[in-house]
Amino acid sequence: MFGTLASGDIETARLRRDLRITCNLGFSCGGFEDIGMRFEGESLVPQRGGDGEVVNETVPFQVERPLFQQTQKLVVGYALTSKKKKSFLQPKLEYMARRKGICFVPIDLNRPLSEQGPFDVVLHKLLGKEWQEVIEDYQQKHPEVTVLDPPSAIKRIYNRQSMLQGMSDLNLSDCGGSIYVPKQMVVLKDSASSAERVVEAGLKFPLVAKPLWIDGSAKSHQLFLAYDKRSLAELEPPLVLQEFVNHGGVMFKVFVVGDIIKVVRRFSLPNVSNCEKAKAGGVFKFPRVSSASASADNADLEPSVAELPPKPFLEALVKELRTLLGLRLFNIDMIREHGSKNVFSVIDINYFPGYGKMPDYEPVVVDFFHSLAQAKHNKKRHCK
């Protein structure tokens, strides 16, 4: 008797598990639609006809779907690299999404996109001109689908010369803070001969050197600190040279998910004194600060360094940037000028960043997609 019950429990668990896997893989978000069974408590039993008789097993059956599947609201087709999929589509995120009626479906890159779906949202982070043409063509043919985010807007972020253009025109009056972009210049070739141009442009050493193009590789996120003119010859163009700003060794990563904002602290380079500037030379390689291991949220820091940017300031900044950039999924790397109250520099912007490195990112992402589902529902109701 005990063995039979245990076996039944295992089979029920297996079927429930398969239901979730089916939804994850995108073959069907509706469950076992034709196996002729339904759940009664923890047991699977045959469907019955209207007068109570058991329906013949050769006839197609209906399944009584779990509540979250009955209220399915949003189908998200995704085109991500394997690395991005692994870090973003964590089991907890998918489970929480399914509970809200949100289903993630992989896009088959070997098939025409218009033949797949139908999708309510297309979520993507793939590089290359071919994919950009595919997604732009899809946008034109399916304007009813939300694309996160438009390729033209993403392209701007992948170029560090155009990335920060327009920041000085943002309307941030009366919000408790101010923003500026450190002086910078672009070096397309021959870093050694750029020394005189640096002087002419009024840039002061040390300078942060960044690759001009962001192509998804670790190399494109590798930063260096050049202390003098001679050190520029060690750098590989094309690159952007940006004045280093003392900021107390702490950087703020501002994650943006639609209207939702979340800020974390990351350790950065310590301040560089005038004495150190005079003595130092050569190129210093920055440590990576994007990983959770570089978190400074629980560190014992001076209050003036650790204090987060004011909420009204962040809300105003993000609102302006969403309009300027045309993006909904991005993060801002910000620093507070050392010794100032609330004077900040935006030093980098990333599209669809590593949200998995943001504490408790799952409910934030789910709430965002749930808001898209609600907007879709309200639009349909308004059109009736």
Protein backbone atom coordinates (compact mmCIF):
# COMPACT_ATOMS: atom_id res chain seq x y z
CA MET A 1 0.00 0.00 0.00
CA PHE A 2 2.77 2.46 1.00
CA GLY A 3 4.77 1.67 -2.11
CA THR A 4 1.77 2.29 -4.37
CA LEU A 5 1.06 5.65 -2.80
CA ALA A 6 4.69 6.69 -3.05
CA SER A 7 4.76 5.70 -6.70
CA GLY A 8 1.65 7.72 -7.38
CA ASP A 9 3.07 10.73 -5.63
CA ILE A 10 6.23 10.46 -7.69
CA GLU A 11 4.25 10.23 -10.92
CA THR A 12 2.16 13.26 -9.98
CA ALA A 13 5.31 15.20 -9.18
CA ARG A 14 6.83 14.12 -12.49
CA LEU A 15 3.81 15.33 -14.42
CA ARG A 16 3.75 18.62 -12.54
CA ARG A 17 7.43 19.03 -13.27
CA ASP A 18 6.87 18.29 -16.95
CA LEU A 19 4.17 20.93 -17.03
CA ARG A 20 6.68 23.53 -15.96
CA ILE A 21 9.34 22.33 -18.40
CA THR A 22 6.84 22.49 -21.25
CA CYS A 23 6.20 26.12 -20.42
CA ASN A 24 9.93 26.88 -20.12
CA LEU A 25 10.78 25.44 -23.50
CA GLY A 26 8.02 27.33 -25.17
CA PHE A 27 6.25 24.42 -26.84
CA SER A 28 3.05 25.19 -24.93
CA CYS A 29 2.21 27.39 -22.01
CA GLY A 30 -1.06 25.62 -21.42
CA GLY A 31 0.01 22.32 -19.94
CA PHE A 32 -1.26 18.81 -20.77
CA GLU A 33 -4.09 19.79 -23.04
CA ASP A 34 -5.00 16.45 -24.53
CA ILE A 35 -4.05 13.72 -22.09
CA GLY A 36 -7.54 13.39 -20.65
CA MET A 37 -6.63 13.99 -17.01
CA ARG A 38 -7.19 16.67 -14.44
CA PHE A 39 -5.93 17.35 -10.92
CA GLU A 40 -8.12 16.59 -7.92
CA GLY A 41 -6.08 17.62 -4.94
CA GLU A 42 -2.81 15.77 -5.48
CA SER A 43 -4.25 13.06 -7.76
CA LEU A 44 -4.69 12.85 -11.50
CA VAL A 45 -8.12 11.48 -12.45
CA PRO A 46 -9.95 10.97 -15.78
CA GLN A 47 -12.22 13.70 -17.04
CA ARG A 48 -15.96 12.96 -16.70
CA GLY A 49 -18.83 13.80 -18.98
CA GLY A 50 -21.74 16.02 -18.09
CA ASP A 51 -23.83 13.15 -16.58
CA GLY A 52 -20.93 11.83 -14.50
CA GLU A 53 -19.69 8.97 -16.67
CA VAL A 54 -15.98 8.51 -17.30
CA VAL A 55 -15.12 9.72 -20.81
CA ASN A 56 -13.60 7.11 -23.12
CA GLU A 57 -9.80 7.45 -23.05
CA THR A 58 -9.58 7.50 -26.85
CA VAL A 59 -11.42 10.83 -26.97
CA PRO A 60 -9.38 14.06 -26.58
CA PHE A 61 -9.56 15.46 -23.06
CA GLN A 62 -9.33 18.83 -21.37
CA VAL A 63 -7.05 19.58 -18.46
CA GLU A 64 -8.04 21.74 -15.55
CA ARG A 65 -5.17 24.18 -15.63
CA PRO A 66 -3.47 25.60 -12.53
CA LEU A 67 -4.64 29.10 -11.66
CA PHE A 68 -1.57 30.93 -12.97
CA GLN A 69 -1.99 29.29 -16.37
CA GLN A 70 -5.66 30.17 -16.57
CA THR A 71 -4.67 33.82 -16.17
CA GLN A 72 -1.80 33.77 -18.67
CA LYS A 73 -1.26 37.31 -19.87
CA LEU A 74 2.07 37.65 -21.63
CA VAL A 75 4.26 35.58 -23.98
CA VAL A 76 7.86 36.79 -24.12
CA GLY A 77 9.98 35.51 -27.00
CA TYR A 78 13.66 35.79 -26.20
CA ALA A 79 16.83 35.78 -28.31
CA LEU A 80 19.82 35.73 -25.96
CA THR A 81 23.30 34.31 -25.94
CA SER A 82 23.69 31.12 -23.91
CA LYS A 83 25.64 33.08 -21.28
CA LYS A 84 22.93 35.74 -21.00
CA LYS A 85 20.17 33.16 -20.84
CA LYS A 86 21.93 31.30 -18.04
CA SER A 87 22.46 34.41 -15.92
CA PHE A 88 19.06 36.02 -16.57
CA LEU A 89 16.52 33.19 -16.90
CA GLN A 90 17.10 31.66 -13.48
CA PRO A 91 14.58 29.05 -12.25
CA LYS A 92 13.27 31.40 -9.57
CA LEU A 93 12.58 34.11 -12.17
CA GLU A 94 10.71 31.71 -14.47
CA TYR A 95 8.68 30.31 -11.58
CA MET A 96 7.67 33.76 -10.33
CA ALA A 97 6.87 34.82 -13.90
CA ARG A 98 4.61 31.81 -14.49
CA ARG A 99 2.71 32.63 -11.33
CA LYS A 100 1.91 36.01 -12.91
CA GLY A 101 0.97 34.43 -16.26
CA ILE A 102 4.23 35.35 -18.00
CA CYS A 103 5.79 32.72 -20.26
CA PHE A 104 9.32 32.91 -21.71
CA VAL A 105 9.69 31.22 -25.11
CA PRO A 106 13.03 30.77 -26.94
CA ILE A 107 13.26 32.21 -30.45
CA ASP A 108 14.64 29.80 -33.05
CA LEU A 109 17.31 31.74 -34.93
CA ASN A 110 17.19 29.23 -37.78
CA ARG A 111 13.58 30.07 -38.61
CA PRO A 112 11.99 33.34 -39.81
CA LEU A 113 10.94 35.36 -36.78
CA SER A 114 7.56 36.25 -38.29
CA GLU A 115 6.68 32.55 -38.47
CA GLN A 116 7.14 32.14 -34.71
CA GLY A 117 4.98 33.15 -31.79
CA PRO A 118 2.67 34.91 -31.58
CA PHE A 119 4.62 37.00 -29.07
CA ASP A 120 3.52 39.92 -26.94
CA VAL A 121 7.13 40.91 -26.26
CA VAL A 122 10.46 40.18 -27.93
CA LEU A 123 13.41 40.36 -25.55
CA HIS A 124 16.81 40.30 -27.23
CA LYS A 125 20.50 40.93 -26.82
CA LEU A 126 22.32 39.69 -29.89
CA LEU A 127 24.99 41.53 -31.84
CA GLY A 128 25.49 41.75 -35.58
CA LYS A 129 24.02 43.56 -38.55
CA GLU A 130 22.03 40.50 -39.68
CA TRP A 131 20.10 40.25 -36.40
CA GLN A 132 19.53 44.01 -36.36
CA GLU A 133 17.91 43.79 -39.81
CA VAL A 134 15.77 40.84 -38.70
CA ILE A 135 14.42 42.61 -35.62
CA GLU A 136 13.84 45.92 -37.46
CA ASP A 137 11.89 44.11 -40.19
CA TYR A 138 9.87 42.30 -37.51
CA GLN A 139 9.07 45.61 -35.80
CA GLN A 140 7.68 47.03 -39.03
CA LYS A 141 5.51 43.99 -39.69
CA HIS A 142 4.35 43.56 -36.08
CA PRO A 143 3.95 47.00 -34.49
CA GLU A 144 1.69 45.45 -31.87
CA VAL A 145 4.65 43.58 -30.36
CA THR A 146 6.84 45.31 -27.77
CA VAL A 147 10.52 44.96 -28.71
CA LEU A 148 12.99 45.32 -25.85
CA ASP A 149 14.73 47.36 -27.00
CA PRO A 150 14.84 49.02 -30.47
CA PRO A 151 18.10 48.15 -32.31
CA SER A 152 18.72 51.78 -33.28
CA ALA A 153 18.67 52.81 -29.61
CA ILE A 154 20.91 49.92 -28.57
CA LYS A 155 23.44 50.75 -31.30
CA ARG A 156 24.01 54.18 -29.76
CA ILE A 157 24.94 52.59 -26.41
CA TYR A 158 27.51 50.28 -28.02
CA ASN A 159 29.58 53.32 -29.05
CA ARG A 160 31.19 55.14 -26.12
CA GLN A 161 31.49 58.32 -28.17
CA SER A 162 27.75 58.61 -28.76
CA MET A 163 26.71 56.92 -25.51
CA LEU A 164 26.89 60.03 -23.32
CA GLN A 165 25.93 62.65 -25.90
CA GLY A 166 23.05 64.86 -24.81
CA MET A 167 23.63 64.37 -21.07
CA SER A 168 24.28 68.07 -20.54
CA ASP A 169 20.82 68.88 -21.94
CA LEU A 170 18.90 66.81 -19.39
CA ASN A 171 16.35 68.72 -17.31
CA LEU A 172 17.40 67.99 -13.72
CA SER A 173 16.53 71.25 -11.99
CA ASP A 174 15.25 71.19 -8.40
CA CYS A 175 15.76 67.46 -7.88
CA GLY A 176 18.52 67.43 -5.26
CA GLY A 177 21.51 66.73 -7.48
CA SER A 178 23.39 67.64 -10.64
CA ILE A 179 25.05 65.63 -13.38
CA TYR A 180 27.96 66.09 -15.72
CA VAL A 181 30.13 64.01 -18.03
CA PRO A 182 33.91 64.15 -17.50
CA LYS A 183 35.90 65.62 -20.40
CA GLN A 184 36.76 63.00 -22.99
CA MET A 185 38.16 62.52 -26.47
CA VAL A 186 38.28 59.71 -29.03
CA VAL A 187 41.48 58.14 -30.33
CA LEU A 188 40.92 56.17 -33.53
CA LYS A 189 44.53 55.30 -34.29
CA ASP A 190 48.12 55.86 -33.14
CA SER A 191 47.71 56.39 -29.39
CA ALA A 192 51.30 57.62 -29.05
CA SER A 193 50.68 60.68 -31.26
CA SER A 194 47.51 61.56 -29.36
CA ALA A 195 49.46 63.08 -26.46
CA GLU A 196 49.49 66.57 -27.95
CA ARG A 197 45.80 66.34 -28.81
CA VAL A 198 45.08 65.50 -25.18
CA VAL A 199 46.80 68.71 -24.10
CA GLU A 200 45.01 70.74 -26.78
CA ALA A 201 41.65 69.35 -25.67
CA GLY A 202 42.37 70.47 -22.10
CA LEU A 203 42.23 66.96 -20.58
CA LYS A 204 44.19 66.45 -17.39
CA PHE A 205 45.97 63.26 -16.31
CA PRO A 206 45.32 60.65 -15.10
CA LEU A 207 42.96 59.50 -17.86
CA VAL A 208 40.63 56.52 -17.95
CA ALA A 209 41.06 54.62 -21.23
CA LYS A 210 38.08 52.60 -22.52
CA PRO A 211 37.56 50.66 -25.76
CA LEU A 212 35.44 52.73 -28.16
CA TRP A 213 33.14 49.85 -29.10
CA ILE A 214 31.22 47.54 -26.77
CA ASP A 215 30.90 44.18 -28.50
CA GLY A 216 29.91 41.91 -25.62
CA SER A 217 33.44 40.63 -25.02
CA ALA A 218 35.30 40.97 -21.72
CA LYS A 219 37.94 43.00 -23.57
CA SER A 220 35.42 45.70 -24.49
CA HIS A 221 34.79 46.28 -20.79
CA GLN A 222 38.46 46.39 -19.80
CA LEU A 223 39.50 49.79 -18.48
CA PHE A 224 42.95 51.31 -17.88
CA LEU A 225 44.26 54.36 -16.05
CA ALA A 226 46.97 56.29 -17.93
CA TYR A 227 49.06 58.50 -15.66
CA ASP A 228 51.13 60.45 -18.22
CA LYS A 229 51.66 61.22 -21.92
CA ARG A 230 54.18 58.44 -22.47
CA SER A 231 51.76 55.81 -21.14
CA LEU A 232 49.33 56.54 -24.00
CA ALA A 233 51.63 54.61 -26.36
CA GLU A 234 50.81 51.42 -24.41
CA LEU A 235 47.10 51.67 -25.21
CA GLU A 236 45.38 49.99 -28.14
CA PRO A 237 43.00 52.15 -30.23
CA PRO A 238 40.23 52.79 -31.06
CA LEU A 239 39.47 54.07 -27.58
CA VAL A 240 37.98 56.84 -25.49
CA LEU A 241 40.12 58.85 -23.07
CA GLN A 242 38.17 60.31 -20.15
CA GLU A 243 39.36 62.41 -17.23
CA PHE A 244 39.58 60.49 -13.97
CA VAL A 245 37.41 61.96 -11.21
CA ASN A 246 38.16 61.31 -7.54
CA HIS A 247 35.07 59.67 -6.03
CA GLY A 248 36.02 58.04 -2.76
CA GLY A 249 36.55 54.60 -4.28
CA VAL A 250 32.82 53.86 -4.63
CA MET A 251 30.69 53.68 -7.76
CA PHE A 252 26.90 53.51 -7.95
CA LYS A 253 25.37 51.07 -10.42
CA VAL A 254 21.83 52.24 -11.15
CA PHE A 255 19.77 49.41 -12.63
CA VAL A 256 16.72 50.45 -14.65
CA VAL A 257 13.88 48.06 -15.49
CA GLY A 258 11.15 50.12 -17.09
CA ASP A 259 9.96 52.51 -14.36
CA ILE A 260 11.73 50.56 -11.62
CA ILE A 261 15.08 51.76 -10.27
CA LYS A 262 17.48 49.87 -8.02
CA VAL A 263 20.91 51.10 -6.87
CA VAL A 264 23.88 49.09 -5.60
CA ARG A 265 27.35 50.22 -4.50
CA ARG A 266 30.50 48.80 -6.04
CA PHE A 267 34.11 49.32 -5.02
CA SER A 268 36.09 51.33 -7.54
CA LEU A 269 39.54 52.95 -7.74
CA PRO A 270 40.64 54.99 -4.72
CA ASN A 271 41.26 58.70 -4.98
CA VAL A 272 44.49 59.80 -6.67
CA SER A 273 46.30 62.59 -4.82
CA ASN A 274 48.38 65.29 -6.52
CA CYS A 275 51.48 63.72 -4.98
CA GLU A 276 50.62 60.34 -6.49
CA LYS A 277 49.97 61.97 -9.87
CA ALA A 278 53.48 63.45 -9.81
CA LYS A 279 55.17 60.18 -8.87
CA ALA A 280 53.08 57.66 -10.82
CA GLY A 281 53.64 56.69 -14.43
CA GLY A 282 52.57 54.08 -16.94
CA VAL A 283 49.24 52.32 -17.24
CA PHE A 284 47.19 50.74 -14.46
CA LYS A 285 44.62 48.05 -15.27
CA PHE A 286 41.25 48.54 -13.56
CA PRO A 287 39.81 45.65 -11.55
CA ARG A 288 36.36 44.51 -12.68
CA VAL A 289 33.65 46.11 -10.57
CA SER A 290 30.53 44.59 -12.16
CA SER A 291 30.52 41.35 -10.17
CA ALA A 292 28.66 40.90 -6.89
CA SER A 293 32.01 40.16 -5.21
CA ALA A 294 32.90 43.85 -5.64
CA SER A 295 29.81 44.91 -3.67
CA ALA A 296 30.32 47.75 -1.21
CA ASP A 297 26.76 47.72 0.14
CA ASN A 298 27.76 46.27 3.52
CA ALA A 299 31.20 47.89 3.78
CA ASP A 300 32.16 50.29 6.56
CA LEU A 301 32.38 53.50 4.54
CA GLU A 302 32.35 57.18 5.34
CA PRO A 303 28.74 58.41 5.27
CA SER A 304 29.59 61.07 2.69
CA VAL A 305 30.92 58.33 0.37
CA ALA A 306 28.34 55.63 1.06
CA GLU A 307 25.22 57.81 0.88
CA LEU A 308 23.10 56.82 -2.11
CA PRO A 309 22.09 59.47 -4.65
CA PRO A 310 18.82 61.22 -3.64
CA LYS A 311 15.71 59.40 -4.81
CA PRO A 312 14.12 62.46 -6.53
CA PHE A 313 17.37 63.00 -8.42
CA LEU A 314 17.55 59.38 -9.59
CA GLU A 315 13.91 59.37 -10.65
CA ALA A 316 14.36 62.57 -12.67
CA LEU A 317 17.62 61.33 -14.22
CA VAL A 318 16.19 57.96 -15.25
CA LYS A 319 13.03 59.55 -16.67
CA GLU A 320 15.14 61.88 -18.82
CA LEU A 321 17.47 59.08 -19.93
CA ARG A 322 14.60 56.79 -20.93
CA THR A 323 13.43 59.52 -23.27
CA LEU A 324 16.90 60.44 -24.52
CA LEU A 325 18.05 56.86 -25.11
CA GLY A 326 14.76 55.21 -26.05
CA LEU A 327 15.58 52.28 -23.76
CA ARG A 328 13.76 50.51 -20.94
CA LEU A 329 16.43 48.00 -19.87
CA PHE A 330 19.76 49.57 -18.97
CA ASN A 331 22.05 50.57 -16.15
CA ILE A 332 24.06 53.69 -15.40
CA ASP A 333 27.51 53.73 -13.81
CA MET A 334 27.70 56.86 -11.66
CA ILE A 335 30.21 58.37 -9.26
CA ARG A 336 29.89 61.22 -6.77
CA GLU A 337 32.61 63.85 -7.09
CA HIS A 338 34.68 63.54 -3.93
CA GLY A 339 34.04 66.37 -1.47
CA SER A 340 30.79 67.43 -3.11
CA LYS A 341 27.32 66.95 -1.69
CA ASN A 342 25.46 65.66 -4.72
CA VAL A 343 27.48 66.35 -7.86
CA PHE A 344 27.57 63.18 -9.94
CA SER A 345 29.28 61.98 -13.09
CA VAL A 346 27.78 59.43 -15.47
CA ILE A 347 30.75 57.44 -16.76
CA ASP A 348 29.10 54.53 -18.58
CA ILE A 349 25.72 53.16 -19.71
CA ASN A 350 25.00 49.51 -20.44
CA TYR A 351 22.06 47.97 -22.30
CA PHE A 352 20.35 44.92 -20.72
CA PRO A 353 23.02 44.61 -18.00
CA GLY A 354 23.69 41.63 -15.74
CA TYR A 355 20.48 41.84 -13.72
CA GLY A 356 21.39 38.53 -12.09
CA LYS A 357 24.08 40.45 -10.17
CA MET A 358 21.43 42.75 -8.71
CA PRO A 359 20.13 41.51 -5.33
CA ASP A 360 16.58 40.12 -5.57
CA TYR A 361 16.30 40.97 -9.24
CA GLU A 362 13.57 38.41 -9.91
CA PRO A 363 10.55 40.28 -8.45
CA VAL A 364 11.75 43.51 -10.07
CA VAL A 365 11.87 41.93 -13.53
CA VAL A 366 8.57 40.08 -13.04
CA ASP A 367 6.83 43.28 -11.92
CA PHE A 368 8.08 45.01 -15.06
CA PHE A 369 6.74 42.33 -17.40
CA HIS A 370 3.52 42.19 -15.39
CA SER A 371 3.10 45.94 -16.01
CA LEU A 372 3.47 45.26 -19.76
CA ALA A 373 0.77 42.60 -19.48
CA GLN A 374 -1.56 45.01 -17.70
CA ALA A 375 -0.91 47.70 -20.31
CA LYS A 376 -1.72 45.20 -23.08
CA HIS A 377 -4.95 44.18 -21.31
CA ASN A 378 -6.01 47.80 -20.78
CA LYS A 379 -5.33 48.62 -24.43
CA LYS A 380 -7.47 45.72 -25.63
CA ARG A 381 -10.29 46.70 -23.29
CA HIS A 382 -10.11 50.32 -24.46
CA CYS A 383 -10.30 49.24 -28.13
CA LYS A 384 -13.47 47.20 -27.62
